[in-house]
């Protein structure tokens, strides 16, 4: 992890961040100001995360994305102009992202996350991974844990959303340490036997996430509105296979839920992107404990909740 070097804020920075300093204090703002963040995947959700942490005043934000702007991005990706369809998403988002706060260094990286070395991730204080495969998420998480880099991952599927918070150790101003389980353990929990009672009480969102990650692995994409009928058939097949493999009855995820997972909706990206940014700011400022360890938004109940999985 890159060493955080806290320095005094300039007069301009003190004026820019006056309200935030009043809210969480000068020392916390100085820690935020010294933080370098990598955001992988600049879709609607990634764009919201970038917006919020840039406005909060981190030191730098690197936007990593090899994908191109598509028509679907118009539903939620506000950093890339609508006439930039076909252009790289990170590069298309750079100008508007930088305009949010000229005191923050904003960079665009058009490489594929798959091609990045371990050392690339180790140069940041915080890594945020979105739109990645499960294998990619586990790999990046393991690199971050080994290097004491704070790690967050999240995704929006239609109006279904998950955020995973995973840090090796976070020490707050009251010297309390928080340790999270590795992502691979949280995603590989087997639910039969002693976990039966907890399973019955759990919201289906975590299990829907497992199905959606399996779909992403199988198809190398997310469910597409243009292929809704075919994709729902595939999701049902993967539900039966995926949930059975971890000791969960397939009916835990109802057919109805699959109707909510197509495309990304701007209001949901805004709400849960704000939640993700809030947790990043907690970790960077060391003022409050971030959520442990998953946050979900369930569209059928219009509510968000925290689920601790793998402990």
Protein backbone atom coordinates (compact mmCIF):
# COMPACT_ATOMS: atom_id res chain seq x y z
CA UNK A 1 0.00 0.00 0.00
CA UNK A 2 1.16 3.50 -0.75
CA UNK A 3 2.15 5.27 2.46
CA UNK A 4 -0.30 7.98 3.43
CA UNK A 5 1.51 11.25 4.05
CA UNK A 6 -0.77 13.77 5.71
CA UNK A 7 0.04 17.43 5.08
CA UNK A 8 -1.59 20.70 5.98
CA UNK A 9 -4.38 21.86 3.72
CA UNK A 10 -3.82 24.93 1.59
CA UNK A 11 -5.96 28.02 2.07
CA UNK A 12 -7.92 27.10 -1.06
CA UNK A 13 -8.50 23.55 0.18
CA UNK A 14 -9.61 24.77 3.60
CA UNK A 15 -12.18 27.00 1.92
CA UNK A 16 -13.28 24.27 -0.52
CA UNK A 17 -13.78 21.66 2.20
CA UNK A 18 -14.99 23.98 4.97
CA UNK A 19 -18.35 22.23 5.44
CA UNK A 20 -16.72 18.79 5.50
CA UNK A 21 -14.11 19.91 8.02
CA UNK A 22 -16.93 21.14 10.25
CA UNK A 23 -18.63 17.77 9.86
CA UNK A 24 -15.77 15.31 10.47
CA UNK A 25 -12.83 17.45 11.53
CA UNK A 26 -9.56 18.71 10.08
CA UNK A 27 -7.51 15.58 10.77
CA UNK A 28 -10.04 13.37 9.01
CA UNK A 29 -10.07 15.69 5.99
CA UNK A 30 -6.27 15.59 5.88
CA UNK A 31 -6.37 11.78 5.81
CA UNK A 32 -8.96 11.85 3.03
CA UNK A 33 -6.85 14.39 1.14
CA UNK A 34 -3.87 12.00 1.25
CA UNK A 35 -5.76 8.99 -0.16
CA UNK A 36 -5.24 7.58 -3.66
CA UNK A 37 -8.19 5.57 -4.98
CA UNK A 38 -8.54 3.19 -7.92
CA UNK A 39 -12.04 2.63 -9.32
CA UNK A 40 -12.40 -0.33 -11.69
CA UNK A 41 -15.40 -0.14 -14.02
CA UNK A 42 -16.88 3.25 -14.90
CA UNK A 43 -20.48 2.31 -15.56
CA UNK A 44 -23.37 4.07 -13.85
CA UNK A 45 -22.44 2.76 -10.42
CA UNK A 46 -18.70 3.41 -10.82
CA UNK A 47 -19.42 6.93 -12.06
CA UNK A 48 -21.45 7.68 -8.93
CA UNK A 49 -18.66 6.41 -6.68
CA UNK A 50 -16.11 8.54 -8.55
CA UNK A 51 -18.30 11.63 -8.29
CA UNK A 52 -18.75 11.36 -4.54
CA UNK A 53 -15.16 10.64 -3.58
CA UNK A 54 -13.86 13.36 -5.92
CA UNK A 55 -16.20 15.86 -4.28
CA UNK A 56 -15.05 14.63 -0.85
CA UNK A 57 -11.49 15.64 -1.74
CA UNK A 58 -9.31 12.54 -1.99
CA UNK A 59 -5.81 13.02 -3.38
CA UNK A 60 -6.37 11.15 -6.64
CA UNK A 61 -8.85 8.92 -8.47
CA UNK A 62 -7.76 6.57 -11.23
CA UNK A 63 -10.64 5.35 -13.42
CA UNK A 64 -9.78 1.98 -14.98
CA UNK A 65 -12.04 0.67 -17.75
CA UNK A 66 -11.32 -0.96 -21.11
CA UNK A 67 -14.98 -1.04 -22.15
CA UNK A 68 -16.68 1.33 -24.57
CA UNK A 69 -19.65 3.61 -23.93
CA UNK A 70 -22.88 1.92 -25.08
CA UNK A 71 -26.49 2.96 -25.51
CA UNK A 72 -27.29 1.25 -22.20
CA UNK A 73 -24.89 3.60 -20.40
CA UNK A 74 -27.28 6.44 -21.14
CA UNK A 75 -29.57 5.02 -18.42
CA UNK A 76 -27.12 5.81 -15.64
CA UNK A 77 -23.62 6.89 -16.70
CA UNK A 78 -23.68 10.68 -16.43
CA UNK A 79 -19.92 11.35 -16.65
CA UNK A 80 -19.67 10.24 -20.29
CA UNK A 81 -21.49 12.60 -22.72
CA UNK A 82 -24.32 10.93 -24.62
CA UNK A 83 -22.58 11.57 -27.95
CA UNK A 84 -19.55 9.51 -26.85
CA UNK A 85 -21.07 6.11 -27.64
CA UNK A 86 -18.29 3.89 -28.96
CA UNK A 87 -15.52 5.69 -27.08
CA UNK A 88 -13.64 4.32 -24.09
CA UNK A 89 -15.67 4.84 -20.91
CA UNK A 90 -12.77 5.98 -18.73
CA UNK A 91 -11.53 8.52 -21.28
CA UNK A 92 -15.06 9.71 -22.06
CA UNK A 93 -15.66 10.31 -18.34
CA UNK A 94 -12.39 12.12 -17.60
CA UNK A 95 -13.34 15.70 -18.43
CA UNK A 96 -16.57 15.83 -16.43
CA UNK A 97 -14.98 13.96 -13.53
CA UNK A 98 -12.12 16.44 -13.33
CA UNK A 99 -14.48 19.41 -13.49
CA UNK A 100 -16.12 18.20 -10.26
CA UNK A 101 -13.05 19.19 -8.25
CA UNK A 102 -9.88 20.63 -9.78
CA UNK A 103 -8.00 19.97 -6.52
CA UNK A 104 -8.21 16.21 -7.08
CA UNK A 105 -5.99 14.46 -9.63
CA UNK A 106 -8.21 12.38 -11.92
CA UNK A 107 -6.74 9.90 -14.41
CA UNK A 108 -8.18 7.58 -17.06
CA UNK A 109 -6.66 4.16 -17.70
CA UNK A 110 -7.97 2.20 -20.70
CA UNK A 111 -6.28 -1.13 -19.90
CA UNK A 112 -8.19 -4.31 -19.12
CA UNK A 113 -8.13 -5.04 -15.37
CA UNK A 114 -7.21 -8.63 -16.31
CA UNK A 115 -3.88 -7.40 -17.66
CA UNK A 116 -2.83 -5.44 -14.58
CA UNK A 117 0.02 -6.76 -12.43
CA UNK A 118 -0.10 -7.14 -8.66
CA UNK A 119 2.15 -4.10 -8.32
CA UNK A 120 -0.42 -1.92 -10.07
CA UNK A 121 -2.99 -2.39 -7.32
CA UNK A 122 -0.40 -2.01 -4.57
CA UNK A 123 0.24 1.64 -5.45
CA UNK A 124 -3.18 2.72 -4.16
CA UNK A 125 -4.57 3.17 -0.66
CA UNK A 126 -8.07 2.04 -1.64
CA UNK A 127 -9.24 -0.17 -4.54
CA UNK A 128 -12.89 -0.20 -5.63
CA UNK A 129 -13.83 -3.01 -8.04
CA UNK A 130 -17.05 -3.00 -10.07
CA UNK A 131 -18.24 -4.97 -13.11
CA UNK A 132 -15.59 -7.64 -12.55
CA UNK A 133 -15.88 -11.41 -12.73
CA UNK A 134 -15.80 -13.38 -9.51
CA UNK A 135 -12.30 -14.62 -10.30
CA UNK A 136 -11.11 -11.07 -10.88
CA UNK A 137 -12.71 -9.87 -7.63
CA UNK A 138 -11.09 -12.64 -5.61
CA UNK A 139 -7.72 -12.03 -7.20
CA UNK A 140 -7.79 -8.27 -6.55
CA UNK A 141 -9.08 -8.83 -3.02
CA UNK A 142 -6.22 -11.21 -2.23
CA UNK A 143 -3.66 -8.76 -3.62
CA UNK A 144 -5.12 -5.98 -1.49
CA UNK A 145 -5.23 -8.10 1.66
CA UNK A 146 -1.60 -9.15 1.21
CA UNK A 147 -0.57 -5.52 0.66
CA UNK A 148 -2.79 -3.90 3.34
CA UNK A 149 -4.74 -2.00 0.69
CA UNK A 150 -8.37 -1.30 1.57
CA UNK A 151 -10.74 -3.13 -0.78
CA UNK A 152 -14.36 -2.49 -1.75
CA UNK A 153 -16.42 -4.10 -4.48
CA UNK A 154 -19.97 -3.61 -5.67
CA UNK A 155 -22.37 -3.88 -8.57
CA UNK A 156 -25.78 -2.76 -9.72
CA UNK A 157 -27.87 -5.27 -11.66
CA UNK A 158 -31.00 -3.50 -12.85
CA UNK A 159 -32.31 -2.22 -9.53
CA UNK A 160 -30.64 -4.96 -7.48
CA UNK A 161 -27.43 -3.86 -5.81
CA UNK A 162 -24.60 -5.28 -3.70
CA UNK A 163 -21.65 -3.64 -2.01
CA UNK A 164 -18.88 -5.69 -0.42
CA UNK A 165 -16.63 -4.08 2.15
CA UNK A 166 -13.38 -5.89 2.83
CA UNK A 167 -10.38 -4.49 4.58
CA UNK A 168 -7.48 -6.31 6.16
CA UNK A 169 -7.51 -3.93 9.10
CA UNK A 170 -9.00 -0.50 9.67
CA UNK A 171 -7.94 1.43 12.75
CA UNK A 172 -10.25 4.28 13.73
CA UNK A 173 -9.45 7.28 15.85
CA UNK A 174 -10.54 5.30 18.91
CA UNK A 175 -7.95 2.65 18.08
CA UNK A 176 -10.50 -0.06 17.37
CA UNK A 177 -9.50 -2.64 14.78
CA UNK A 178 -11.91 -4.18 12.30
CA UNK A 179 -11.05 -7.30 10.32
CA UNK A 180 -13.20 -8.71 7.51
CA UNK A 181 -13.23 -12.19 6.01
CA UNK A 182 -11.66 -12.71 2.57
CA UNK A 183 -14.06 -12.24 -0.31
CA UNK A 184 -13.51 -15.79 -1.55
CA UNK A 185 -14.72 -17.12 1.81
CA UNK A 186 -17.78 -14.88 1.82
CA UNK A 187 -18.75 -16.12 -1.65
CA UNK A 188 -18.06 -19.80 -0.92
CA UNK A 189 -20.06 -20.24 2.31
CA UNK A 190 -21.95 -23.54 2.47
CA UNK A 191 -25.37 -23.12 4.03
CA UNK A 192 -26.59 -26.53 5.11
CA UNK A 193 -26.26 -27.98 8.62
CA UNK A 194 -25.73 -25.50 11.44
CA UNK A 195 -26.51 -22.50 9.22
CA UNK A 196 -30.05 -23.64 8.40
CA UNK A 197 -31.79 -21.26 10.82
CA UNK A 198 -29.84 -18.27 9.56
CA UNK A 199 -30.59 -19.28 5.99
CA UNK A 200 -34.33 -19.22 6.60
CA UNK A 201 -34.17 -15.67 7.96
CA UNK A 202 -31.91 -14.25 5.27
CA UNK A 203 -33.10 -12.00 2.47
CA UNK A 204 -32.54 -13.64 -0.96
CA UNK A 205 -30.31 -10.82 -2.25
CA UNK A 206 -27.01 -12.51 -1.34
CA UNK A 207 -28.06 -15.70 -3.13
CA UNK A 208 -29.25 -13.74 -6.15
CA UNK A 209 -25.78 -12.18 -6.25
CA UNK A 210 -24.21 -15.65 -6.50
CA UNK A 211 -26.48 -16.44 -9.46
CA UNK A 212 -25.64 -13.17 -11.19
CA UNK A 213 -21.90 -13.74 -10.74
CA UNK A 214 -22.35 -17.21 -12.22
CA UNK A 215 -24.21 -15.66 -15.18
CA UNK A 216 -21.39 -13.16 -15.68
CA UNK A 217 -18.87 -15.99 -15.70
CA UNK A 218 -20.94 -18.09 -18.11
CA UNK A 219 -21.81 -15.30 -20.56
CA UNK A 220 -18.97 -12.80 -20.01
CA UNK A 221 -21.65 -10.12 -19.64
CA UNK A 222 -24.59 -9.13 -17.47
CA UNK A 223 -28.28 -9.79 -18.24
CA UNK A 224 -29.26 -7.77 -21.31
CA UNK A 225 -32.73 -6.21 -21.81
CA UNK A 226 -32.50 -7.06 -25.52
CA UNK A 227 -32.21 -10.76 -24.63
CA UNK A 228 -34.54 -10.78 -21.63
CA UNK A 229 -36.45 -14.00 -22.37
CA UNK A 230 -33.35 -16.06 -23.14
CA UNK A 231 -31.43 -14.62 -20.21
CA UNK A 232 -34.19 -15.38 -17.70
CA UNK A 233 -34.17 -19.02 -18.83
CA UNK A 234 -30.39 -19.12 -18.32
CA UNK A 235 -30.66 -17.42 -14.93
CA UNK A 236 -33.13 -20.03 -13.74
CA UNK A 237 -30.80 -22.85 -14.82
CA UNK A 238 -27.84 -21.21 -13.09
CA UNK A 239 -29.92 -20.60 -9.96
CA UNK A 240 -30.68 -24.28 -9.63
CA UNK A 241 -27.08 -25.29 -10.19
CA UNK A 242 -25.40 -22.55 -8.14
CA UNK A 243 -27.61 -22.63 -5.08
CA UNK A 244 -27.70 -26.42 -4.91
CA UNK A 245 -23.89 -26.44 -4.87
CA UNK A 246 -23.83 -24.37 -1.66
CA UNK A 247 -26.64 -26.19 0.11
CA UNK A 248 -29.42 -23.68 -0.60
CA UNK A 249 -32.87 -24.63 -1.95
CA UNK A 250 -33.31 -23.02 -5.41
CA UNK A 251 -36.66 -21.55 -4.36
CA UNK A 252 -34.74 -19.19 -2.06
CA UNK A 253 -34.44 -16.97 -5.16
CA UNK A 254 -37.86 -16.59 -6.76
CA UNK A 255 -38.46 -16.30 -10.49
CA UNK A 256 -39.87 -12.82 -9.88
CA UNK A 257 -36.51 -11.43 -8.80
CA UNK A 258 -35.00 -12.09 -12.22
CA UNK A 259 -37.28 -9.43 -13.72
CA UNK A 260 -35.41 -6.76 -11.74
CA UNK A 261 -31.84 -7.44 -12.90
CA UNK A 262 -31.76 -5.93 -16.40
CA UNK A 263 -29.74 -2.76 -17.16
CA UNK A 264 -28.77 -0.16 -14.55
CA UNK A 265 -31.19 2.50 -13.39
CA UNK A 266 -29.80 5.96 -12.63
CA UNK A 267 -31.64 6.61 -9.31
CA UNK A 268 -30.47 3.29 -7.88
CA UNK A 269 -26.89 3.91 -8.99
CA UNK A 270 -27.07 7.33 -7.31
CA UNK A 271 -28.41 5.99 -4.01
CA UNK A 272 -26.16 3.01 -3.60
CA UNK A 273 -23.17 4.74 -5.19
CA UNK A 274 -23.56 7.23 -2.37
CA UNK A 275 -23.57 4.37 0.16
CA UNK A 276 -20.37 2.95 -1.32
CA UNK A 277 -18.68 6.37 -1.29
CA UNK A 278 -19.80 6.87 2.31
CA UNK A 279 -18.04 3.65 3.31
CA UNK A 280 -14.90 4.64 1.41
CA UNK A 281 -14.84 7.98 3.22
CA UNK A 282 -15.28 6.20 6.57
CA UNK A 283 -12.26 4.02 5.81
CA UNK A 284 -10.13 6.86 4.45
CA UNK A 285 -10.88 9.23 7.34
CA UNK A 286 -10.62 6.48 9.99
CA UNK A 287 -13.41 8.27 11.81
CA UNK A 288 -16.09 5.55 11.74
CA UNK A 289 -16.28 1.81 11.09
CA UNK A 290 -17.41 0.82 7.59
CA UNK A 291 -20.16 -1.77 7.19
CA UNK A 292 -19.21 -5.40 7.85
CA UNK A 293 -19.35 -6.88 5.33
CA UNK A 294 -22.07 -6.65 2.63
CA UNK A 295 -24.75 -4.08 1.87
CA UNK A 296 -27.73 -4.96 -0.34
CA UNK A 297 -30.62 -3.04 -1.82
CA UNK A 298 -33.70 -5.17 -2.44
CA UNK A 299 -36.08 -3.60 -4.99
CA UNK A 300 -39.05 -5.68 -3.87
CA UNK A 301 -38.93 -4.12 -0.40
CA UNK A 302 -37.34 -0.79 -1.40
CA UNK A 303 -34.91 -1.18 1.47
CA UNK A 304 -31.19 -1.52 2.07
CA UNK A 305 -29.64 -3.74 4.69
CA UNK A 306 -26.31 -5.11 5.92
CA UNK A 307 -25.51 -8.80 5.78
CA UNK A 308 -22.41 -10.29 7.43
CA UNK A 309 -21.49 -13.42 5.45
CA UNK A 310 -18.67 -15.89 6.01
CA UNK A 311 -18.03 -15.35 9.71
